[in-house]
Amino acid sequence: MIRPAKHSDVPRLIELGILLHATSSYRDLNFSHNKAANFLHSLINGVGVVFVAEIDGLVVGGIAGALTDQWFSDDLIAYDYSLFIDPAKRHGITARRLILAFEAWATIKGAKQLHMGIGTGINVDGTVRLYQSCGLNHFGPLMMKELNHGR
């Protein structure tokens, strides 16, 4: 079942976030439990949105996103902060259902475009296929460089 997240879901979302963080391209960055929890609470309070996937009463995944405008336009764009499914629950339709819930929310909010990225480095090819199956089109790469600050 896909549903809007509740504040009581945040501890479980943090557990999933820790797992995502540890297995992603972000693993060398500090993970702040408090910052992540406060951020999720703010999205749930209306700064953005969080949907969760629940199976047998357990939250197994989620998608978090928000709206913004471009520097040159007042038109709204919906973008994701994160999409994550517990690795034990992948290979089903859960991720697709989360994306479709996010798209429906974005449409209701008046967004003209939906942007989703893959910044984690996890299963990039499979995630691209998933996004394409939901109607998203590739429009450019996301690039990153580690900075060492003399360390």
N, C-alpha and C. Protein backbone atom coordinates (compact mmCIF):
# COMPACT_ATOMS: atom_id res chain seq x y z
N MET A 1 0.84 -1.17 0.00
CA MET A 1 0.00 0.00 0.00
C MET A 1 0.89 1.24 0.00
N ILE A 2 0.56 2.20 -0.85
CA ILE A 2 1.25 3.48 -0.89
C ILE A 2 0.35 4.50 -0.19
N ARG A 3 0.95 5.29 0.70
CA ARG A 3 0.19 6.30 1.44
C ARG A 3 1.09 7.46 1.80
N PRO A 4 0.48 8.62 2.10
CA PRO A 4 1.30 9.73 2.60
C PRO A 4 1.96 9.34 3.93
N ALA A 5 3.18 9.77 4.10
CA ALA A 5 3.88 9.47 5.35
C ALA A 5 3.28 10.25 6.50
N LYS A 6 3.40 9.65 7.68
CA LYS A 6 3.00 10.30 8.93
C LYS A 6 4.27 10.55 9.75
N HIS A 7 4.16 11.46 10.69
CA HIS A 7 5.31 11.74 11.55
C HIS A 7 5.79 10.47 12.26
N SER A 8 4.90 9.58 12.58
CA SER A 8 5.29 8.34 13.25
C SER A 8 6.09 7.40 12.35
N ASP A 9 6.11 7.66 11.03
CA ASP A 9 6.91 6.86 10.09
C ASP A 9 8.37 7.28 10.06
N VAL A 10 8.68 8.45 10.60
CA VAL A 10 10.02 9.01 10.45
C VAL A 10 11.11 8.10 11.02
N PRO A 11 10.96 7.50 12.21
CA PRO A 11 12.04 6.61 12.68
C PRO A 11 12.34 5.47 11.70
N ARG A 12 11.31 4.88 11.11
CA ARG A 12 11.55 3.81 10.13
C ARG A 12 12.19 4.37 8.86
N LEU A 13 11.76 5.55 8.44
CA LEU A 13 12.37 6.17 7.26
C LEU A 13 13.85 6.48 7.52
N ILE A 14 14.18 6.86 8.74
CA ILE A 14 15.59 7.09 9.08
C ILE A 14 16.36 5.78 9.00
N GLU A 15 15.78 4.68 9.48
CA GLU A 15 16.44 3.37 9.35
C GLU A 15 16.73 3.06 7.88
N LEU A 16 15.74 3.27 7.03
CA LEU A 16 15.94 3.03 5.60
C LEU A 16 16.96 4.01 5.02
N GLY A 17 16.92 5.25 5.49
CA GLY A 17 17.88 6.25 5.03
C GLY A 17 19.31 5.89 5.39
N ILE A 18 19.51 5.33 6.57
CA ILE A 18 20.84 4.88 6.99
C ILE A 18 21.33 3.77 6.07
N LEU A 19 20.46 2.85 5.73
CA LEU A 19 20.81 1.76 4.81
C LEU A 19 21.16 2.32 3.43
N LEU A 20 20.34 3.24 2.94
CA LEU A 20 20.61 3.87 1.64
C LEU A 20 21.96 4.59 1.68
N HIS A 21 22.15 5.38 2.70
CA HIS A 21 23.39 6.15 2.84
C HIS A 21 24.62 5.24 2.82
N ALA A 22 24.56 4.15 3.56
CA ALA A 22 25.71 3.25 3.69
C ALA A 22 26.07 2.54 2.39
N THR A 23 25.11 2.40 1.49
CA THR A 23 25.35 1.65 0.26
C THR A 23 25.44 2.55 -0.97
N SER A 24 25.44 3.86 -0.76
CA SER A 24 25.36 4.78 -1.90
C SER A 24 26.64 5.58 -2.09
N SER A 25 26.64 6.40 -3.12
CA SER A 25 27.77 7.28 -3.39
C SER A 25 27.92 8.35 -2.31
N TYR A 26 26.96 8.47 -1.42
CA TYR A 26 27.01 9.45 -0.33
C TYR A 26 27.65 8.89 0.94
N ARG A 27 28.10 7.65 0.92
CA ARG A 27 28.57 6.97 2.13
C ARG A 27 29.74 7.66 2.83
N ASP A 28 30.52 8.47 2.10
CA ASP A 28 31.64 9.17 2.73
C ASP A 28 31.23 10.49 3.39
N LEU A 29 29.95 10.86 3.22
CA LEU A 29 29.43 12.07 3.87
C LEU A 29 28.80 11.69 5.21
N ASN A 30 28.89 12.56 6.18
CA ASN A 30 28.29 12.34 7.49
C ASN A 30 26.77 12.18 7.36
N PHE A 31 26.19 11.27 8.12
CA PHE A 31 24.74 11.13 8.19
C PHE A 31 24.27 11.67 9.53
N SER A 32 23.48 12.72 9.51
CA SER A 32 22.95 13.32 10.72
C SER A 32 21.51 12.85 10.92
N HIS A 33 21.29 12.01 11.93
CA HIS A 33 19.95 11.51 12.22
C HIS A 33 18.98 12.65 12.48
N ASN A 34 19.40 13.61 13.29
CA ASN A 34 18.52 14.72 13.65
C ASN A 34 18.17 15.58 12.45
N LYS A 35 19.17 15.90 11.63
CA LYS A 35 18.91 16.72 10.45
C LYS A 35 17.96 16.00 9.50
N ALA A 36 18.21 14.71 9.27
CA ALA A 36 17.36 13.93 8.37
C ALA A 36 15.93 13.85 8.91
N ALA A 37 15.79 13.60 10.20
CA ALA A 37 14.45 13.52 10.80
C ALA A 37 13.72 14.85 10.70
N ASN A 38 14.41 15.94 11.03
CA ASN A 38 13.79 17.26 10.95
C ASN A 38 13.37 17.58 9.52
N PHE A 39 14.20 17.19 8.57
CA PHE A 39 13.89 17.43 7.16
C PHE A 39 12.64 16.66 6.75
N LEU A 40 12.57 15.39 7.11
CA LEU A 40 11.39 14.58 6.77
C LEU A 40 10.14 15.15 7.43
N HIS A 41 10.24 15.56 8.68
CA HIS A 41 9.09 16.17 9.35
C HIS A 41 8.63 17.42 8.61
N SER A 42 9.58 18.23 8.12
CA SER A 42 9.20 19.45 7.39
C SER A 42 8.49 19.11 6.08
N LEU A 43 8.95 18.08 5.40
CA LEU A 43 8.27 17.66 4.16
C LEU A 43 6.85 17.18 4.47
N ILE A 44 6.72 16.38 5.51
CA ILE A 44 5.40 15.88 5.91
C ILE A 44 4.48 17.04 6.30
N ASN A 45 5.05 18.09 6.90
CA ASN A 45 4.27 19.26 7.30
C ASN A 45 3.86 20.15 6.13
N GLY A 46 4.30 19.82 4.92
CA GLY A 46 3.85 20.55 3.75
C GLY A 46 4.91 21.29 2.97
N VAL A 47 6.15 21.27 3.43
CA VAL A 47 7.22 21.89 2.65
C VAL A 47 7.42 21.12 1.35
N GLY A 48 7.09 19.86 1.38
CA GLY A 48 7.17 18.96 0.23
C GLY A 48 6.22 17.81 0.48
N VAL A 49 6.66 16.61 0.14
CA VAL A 49 5.83 15.44 0.33
C VAL A 49 6.70 14.21 0.57
N VAL A 50 6.16 13.29 1.33
CA VAL A 50 6.77 11.97 1.50
C VAL A 50 5.66 10.94 1.38
N PHE A 51 5.86 9.97 0.50
CA PHE A 51 4.97 8.83 0.41
C PHE A 51 5.75 7.61 0.88
N VAL A 52 5.05 6.69 1.54
CA VAL A 52 5.68 5.45 1.97
C VAL A 52 4.98 4.27 1.35
N ALA A 53 5.75 3.20 1.21
CA ALA A 53 5.21 1.91 0.78
C ALA A 53 5.19 1.02 2.01
N GLU A 54 4.03 0.44 2.25
CA GLU A 54 3.83 -0.39 3.43
C GLU A 54 3.41 -1.79 2.99
N ILE A 55 4.08 -2.79 3.53
CA ILE A 55 3.73 -4.18 3.27
C ILE A 55 3.56 -4.87 4.62
N ASP A 56 2.40 -5.45 4.82
CA ASP A 56 2.09 -6.13 6.08
C ASP A 56 2.39 -5.26 7.29
N GLY A 57 2.05 -3.96 7.19
CA GLY A 57 2.21 -3.05 8.31
C GLY A 57 3.60 -2.48 8.50
N LEU A 58 4.55 -2.87 7.64
CA LEU A 58 5.93 -2.39 7.77
C LEU A 58 6.25 -1.46 6.59
N VAL A 59 6.79 -0.28 6.89
CA VAL A 59 7.24 0.62 5.84
C VAL A 59 8.51 0.03 5.23
N VAL A 60 8.45 -0.24 3.91
CA VAL A 60 9.56 -0.88 3.20
C VAL A 60 10.23 0.06 2.20
N GLY A 61 9.69 1.26 2.06
CA GLY A 61 10.28 2.19 1.12
C GLY A 61 9.56 3.52 1.16
N GLY A 62 10.12 4.45 0.41
CA GLY A 62 9.49 5.75 0.37
C GLY A 62 10.07 6.61 -0.74
N ILE A 63 9.37 7.70 -0.98
CA ILE A 63 9.84 8.72 -1.92
C ILE A 63 9.58 10.07 -1.26
N ALA A 64 10.57 10.93 -1.35
CA ALA A 64 10.46 12.28 -0.80
C ALA A 64 10.73 13.27 -1.91
N GLY A 65 9.96 14.33 -1.95
CA GLY A 65 10.16 15.31 -3.00
C GLY A 65 9.54 16.64 -2.64
N ALA A 66 9.66 17.58 -3.55
CA ALA A 66 9.14 18.93 -3.34
C ALA A 66 8.94 19.61 -4.68
N LEU A 67 8.57 20.86 -4.60
CA LEU A 67 8.36 21.69 -5.79
C LEU A 67 9.33 22.86 -5.77
N THR A 68 9.70 23.32 -6.93
CA THR A 68 10.51 24.53 -7.05
C THR A 68 10.18 25.17 -8.39
N ASP A 69 10.72 26.35 -8.59
CA ASP A 69 10.65 26.97 -9.90
C ASP A 69 12.08 27.14 -10.41
N GLN A 70 12.21 27.39 -11.69
CA GLN A 70 13.53 27.65 -12.26
C GLN A 70 13.85 29.14 -12.11
N TRP A 71 15.09 29.49 -12.22
CA TRP A 71 15.50 30.88 -12.06
C TRP A 71 14.88 31.78 -13.12
N PHE A 72 14.43 31.20 -14.23
CA PHE A 72 13.90 31.99 -15.34
C PHE A 72 12.39 31.89 -15.50
N SER A 73 11.71 31.13 -14.62
CA SER A 73 10.29 30.87 -14.84
C SER A 73 9.56 30.70 -13.52
N ASP A 74 8.29 31.05 -13.52
CA ASP A 74 7.44 30.80 -12.35
C ASP A 74 6.77 29.44 -12.41
N ASP A 75 6.93 28.72 -13.52
CA ASP A 75 6.34 27.38 -13.64
C ASP A 75 7.00 26.44 -12.63
N LEU A 76 6.19 25.56 -12.06
CA LEU A 76 6.68 24.65 -11.02
C LEU A 76 7.24 23.36 -11.61
N ILE A 77 8.28 22.87 -10.96
CA ILE A 77 8.90 21.58 -11.28
C ILE A 77 8.88 20.76 -10.00
N ALA A 78 8.44 19.52 -10.11
CA ALA A 78 8.51 18.58 -8.98
C ALA A 78 9.83 17.82 -9.11
N TYR A 79 10.51 17.64 -8.00
CA TYR A 79 11.77 16.90 -8.01
C TYR A 79 11.84 16.00 -6.80
N ASP A 80 12.56 14.90 -6.95
CA ASP A 80 12.70 13.98 -5.84
C ASP A 80 13.97 14.27 -5.05
N TYR A 81 13.86 14.07 -3.76
CA TYR A 81 15.05 14.06 -2.91
C TYR A 81 15.61 12.65 -2.84
N SER A 82 14.70 11.69 -2.74
CA SER A 82 15.14 10.31 -2.60
C SER A 82 14.00 9.35 -2.89
N LEU A 83 14.35 8.25 -3.49
CA LEU A 83 13.46 7.10 -3.67
C LEU A 83 14.24 5.90 -3.18
N PHE A 84 13.66 5.15 -2.25
CA PHE A 84 14.40 4.00 -1.74
C PHE A 84 13.45 2.90 -1.33
N ILE A 85 13.82 1.69 -1.69
CA ILE A 85 13.08 0.49 -1.32
C ILE A 85 14.05 -0.43 -0.58
N ASP A 86 13.62 -1.00 0.53
CA ASP A 86 14.43 -1.98 1.25
C ASP A 86 14.90 -3.03 0.24
N PRO A 87 16.20 -3.32 0.18
CA PRO A 87 16.71 -4.28 -0.81
C PRO A 87 15.97 -5.62 -0.81
N ALA A 88 15.48 -6.05 0.33
CA ALA A 88 14.76 -7.32 0.40
C ALA A 88 13.39 -7.25 -0.27
N LYS A 89 12.90 -6.04 -0.54
CA LYS A 89 11.56 -5.86 -1.12
C LYS A 89 11.60 -5.30 -2.54
N ARG A 90 12.78 -5.26 -3.14
CA ARG A 90 12.90 -4.74 -4.51
C ARG A 90 12.45 -5.79 -5.52
N HIS A 91 12.43 -5.39 -6.77
CA HIS A 91 12.07 -6.26 -7.90
C HIS A 91 10.57 -6.52 -7.97
N GLY A 92 9.79 -5.61 -7.46
CA GLY A 92 8.35 -5.68 -7.59
C GLY A 92 7.86 -4.38 -8.20
N ILE A 93 6.64 -4.04 -7.90
CA ILE A 93 6.06 -2.82 -8.46
C ILE A 93 6.01 -1.68 -7.44
N THR A 94 6.60 -1.89 -6.29
CA THR A 94 6.54 -0.89 -5.21
C THR A 94 7.15 0.44 -5.64
N ALA A 95 8.33 0.42 -6.23
CA ALA A 95 8.97 1.67 -6.64
C ALA A 95 8.12 2.39 -7.68
N ARG A 96 7.59 1.66 -8.62
CA ARG A 96 6.73 2.27 -9.65
C ARG A 96 5.51 2.93 -9.01
N ARG A 97 4.91 2.27 -8.04
CA ARG A 97 3.74 2.85 -7.36
C ARG A 97 4.11 4.11 -6.59
N LEU A 98 5.28 4.13 -5.98
CA LEU A 98 5.72 5.34 -5.28
C LEU A 98 5.92 6.49 -6.27
N ILE A 99 6.54 6.21 -7.40
CA ILE A 99 6.76 7.25 -8.42
C ILE A 99 5.43 7.78 -8.93
N LEU A 100 4.49 6.90 -9.19
CA LEU A 100 3.18 7.33 -9.69
C LEU A 100 2.42 8.16 -8.65
N ALA A 101 2.57 7.83 -7.37
CA ALA A 101 1.95 8.65 -6.31
C ALA A 101 2.58 10.04 -6.29
N PHE A 102 3.90 10.09 -6.43
CA PHE A 102 4.60 11.37 -6.46
C PHE A 102 4.17 12.19 -7.68
N GLU A 103 4.05 11.54 -8.83
CA GLU A 103 3.60 12.22 -10.04
C GLU A 103 2.19 12.77 -9.87
N ALA A 104 1.31 11.99 -9.27
CA ALA A 104 -0.07 12.45 -9.06
C ALA A 104 -0.08 13.67 -8.13
N TRP A 105 0.71 13.64 -7.07
CA TRP A 105 0.83 14.78 -6.16
C TRP A 105 1.32 16.01 -6.91
N ALA A 106 2.37 15.82 -7.74
CA ALA A 106 2.95 16.93 -8.50
C ALA A 106 1.93 17.53 -9.45
N THR A 107 1.14 16.69 -10.08
CA THR A 107 0.10 17.16 -11.00
C THR A 107 -0.94 17.98 -10.25
N ILE A 108 -1.39 17.48 -9.12
CA ILE A 108 -2.37 18.21 -8.30
C ILE A 108 -1.81 19.56 -7.87
N LYS A 109 -0.52 19.62 -7.56
CA LYS A 109 0.12 20.86 -7.11
C LYS A 109 0.41 21.82 -8.25
N GLY A 110 0.18 21.40 -9.49
CA GLY A 110 0.36 22.28 -10.63
C GLY A 110 1.73 22.26 -11.27
N ALA A 111 2.54 21.26 -10.97
CA ALA A 111 3.87 21.18 -11.59
C ALA A 111 3.73 20.92 -13.09
N LYS A 112 4.61 21.53 -13.85
CA LYS A 112 4.62 21.32 -15.30
C LYS A 112 5.61 20.24 -15.71
N GLN A 113 6.56 19.94 -14.84
CA GLN A 113 7.55 18.90 -15.13
C GLN A 113 7.84 18.11 -13.86
N LEU A 114 8.26 16.87 -14.08
CA LEU A 114 8.70 15.98 -13.01
C LEU A 114 10.16 15.63 -13.30
N HIS A 115 11.04 15.93 -12.36
CA HIS A 115 12.46 15.62 -12.50
C HIS A 115 12.84 14.59 -11.44
N MET A 116 13.48 13.52 -11.86
CA MET A 116 14.00 12.53 -10.92
C MET A 116 15.42 12.18 -11.34
N GLY A 117 16.30 12.09 -10.36
CA GLY A 117 17.69 11.80 -10.65
C GLY A 117 18.15 10.52 -9.99
N ILE A 118 19.37 10.16 -10.32
CA ILE A 118 20.00 8.97 -9.73
C ILE A 118 21.37 9.42 -9.23
N GLY A 119 21.44 9.86 -7.99
CA GLY A 119 22.69 10.34 -7.44
C GLY A 119 23.37 9.35 -6.52
N THR A 120 22.74 8.22 -6.29
CA THR A 120 23.27 7.26 -5.32
C THR A 120 24.30 6.30 -5.92
N GLY A 121 24.27 6.13 -7.23
CA GLY A 121 25.15 5.15 -7.88
C GLY A 121 24.67 3.72 -7.72
N ILE A 122 23.47 3.53 -7.16
CA ILE A 122 22.94 2.18 -6.93
C ILE A 122 22.08 1.76 -8.12
N ASN A 123 22.41 0.65 -8.74
CA ASN A 123 21.62 0.05 -9.83
C ASN A 123 21.16 1.10 -10.84
N VAL A 124 22.10 1.85 -11.36
CA VAL A 124 21.78 2.97 -12.25
C VAL A 124 21.00 2.50 -13.48
N ASP A 125 21.47 1.45 -14.14
CA ASP A 125 20.79 0.99 -15.36
C ASP A 125 19.36 0.55 -15.08
N GLY A 126 19.17 -0.20 -14.01
CA GLY A 126 17.82 -0.65 -13.64
C GLY A 126 16.92 0.50 -13.26
N THR A 127 17.48 1.49 -12.57
CA THR A 127 16.68 2.65 -12.18
C THR A 127 16.30 3.49 -13.40
N VAL A 128 17.21 3.62 -14.35
CA VAL A 128 16.89 4.32 -15.59
C VAL A 128 15.72 3.63 -16.28
N ARG A 129 15.77 2.31 -16.37
CA ARG A 129 14.67 1.57 -17.01
C ARG A 129 13.35 1.77 -16.24
N LEU A 130 13.42 1.77 -14.93
CA LEU A 130 12.23 2.01 -14.11
C LEU A 130 11.66 3.40 -14.42
N TYR A 131 12.51 4.41 -14.38
CA TYR A 131 12.05 5.78 -14.64
C TYR A 131 11.46 5.90 -16.04
N GLN A 132 12.11 5.28 -17.01
CA GLN A 132 11.59 5.33 -18.38
C GLN A 132 10.24 4.63 -18.48
N SER A 133 10.06 3.55 -17.73
CA SER A 133 8.76 2.85 -17.77
C SER A 133 7.65 3.70 -17.16
N CYS A 134 8.03 4.69 -16.37
CA CYS A 134 7.06 5.63 -15.77
C CYS A 134 6.90 6.88 -16.62
N GLY A 135 7.52 6.91 -17.80
CA GLY A 135 7.35 8.02 -18.72
C GLY A 135 8.39 9.12 -18.62
N LEU A 136 9.41 8.95 -17.77
CA LEU A 136 10.46 9.95 -17.69
C LEU A 136 11.46 9.74 -18.82
N ASN A 137 12.05 10.83 -19.29
CA ASN A 137 13.01 10.78 -20.37
C ASN A 137 14.36 11.29 -19.90
N HIS A 138 15.42 10.65 -20.40
CA HIS A 138 16.78 11.06 -20.08
C HIS A 138 17.04 12.42 -20.70
N PHE A 139 17.52 13.39 -19.89
CA PHE A 139 17.82 14.70 -20.45
C PHE A 139 19.19 15.21 -20.04
N GLY A 140 20.01 14.42 -19.40
CA GLY A 140 21.36 14.84 -19.09
C GLY A 140 21.92 14.12 -17.89
N PRO A 141 23.24 14.06 -17.80
CA PRO A 141 23.87 13.35 -16.67
C PRO A 141 23.97 14.23 -15.43
N LEU A 142 24.16 13.59 -14.31
CA LEU A 142 24.45 14.24 -13.05
C LEU A 142 25.92 13.95 -12.75
N MET A 143 26.69 14.97 -12.54
CA MET A 143 28.13 14.82 -12.34
C MET A 143 28.52 15.19 -10.91
N MET A 144 29.64 14.60 -10.41
CA MET A 144 30.10 14.87 -9.05
C MET A 144 31.62 14.75 -9.01
N LYS A 145 32.22 15.54 -8.16
CA LYS A 145 33.66 15.47 -7.92
C LYS A 145 33.91 15.58 -6.44
N GLU A 146 34.72 14.69 -5.90
CA GLU A 146 35.12 14.77 -4.49
C GLU A 146 36.16 15.87 -4.33
N LEU A 147 36.02 16.68 -3.30
CA LEU A 147 36.98 17.73 -3.00
C LEU A 147 37.71 17.37 -1.72
N ASN A 148 39.03 17.49 -1.71
CA ASN A 148 39.77 17.00 -0.54
C ASN A 148 40.19 18.07 0.45
N HIS A 149 40.15 19.33 0.12
CA HIS A 149 40.46 20.44 1.05
C HIS A 149 41.80 20.24 1.76
N GLY A 150 42.79 19.69 1.05
CA GLY A 150 44.14 19.54 1.59
C GLY A 150 44.31 18.40 2.56
N ARG A 151 43.34 17.52 2.68
CA ARG A 151 43.47 16.39 3.62
C ARG A 151 44.26 15.28 3.01
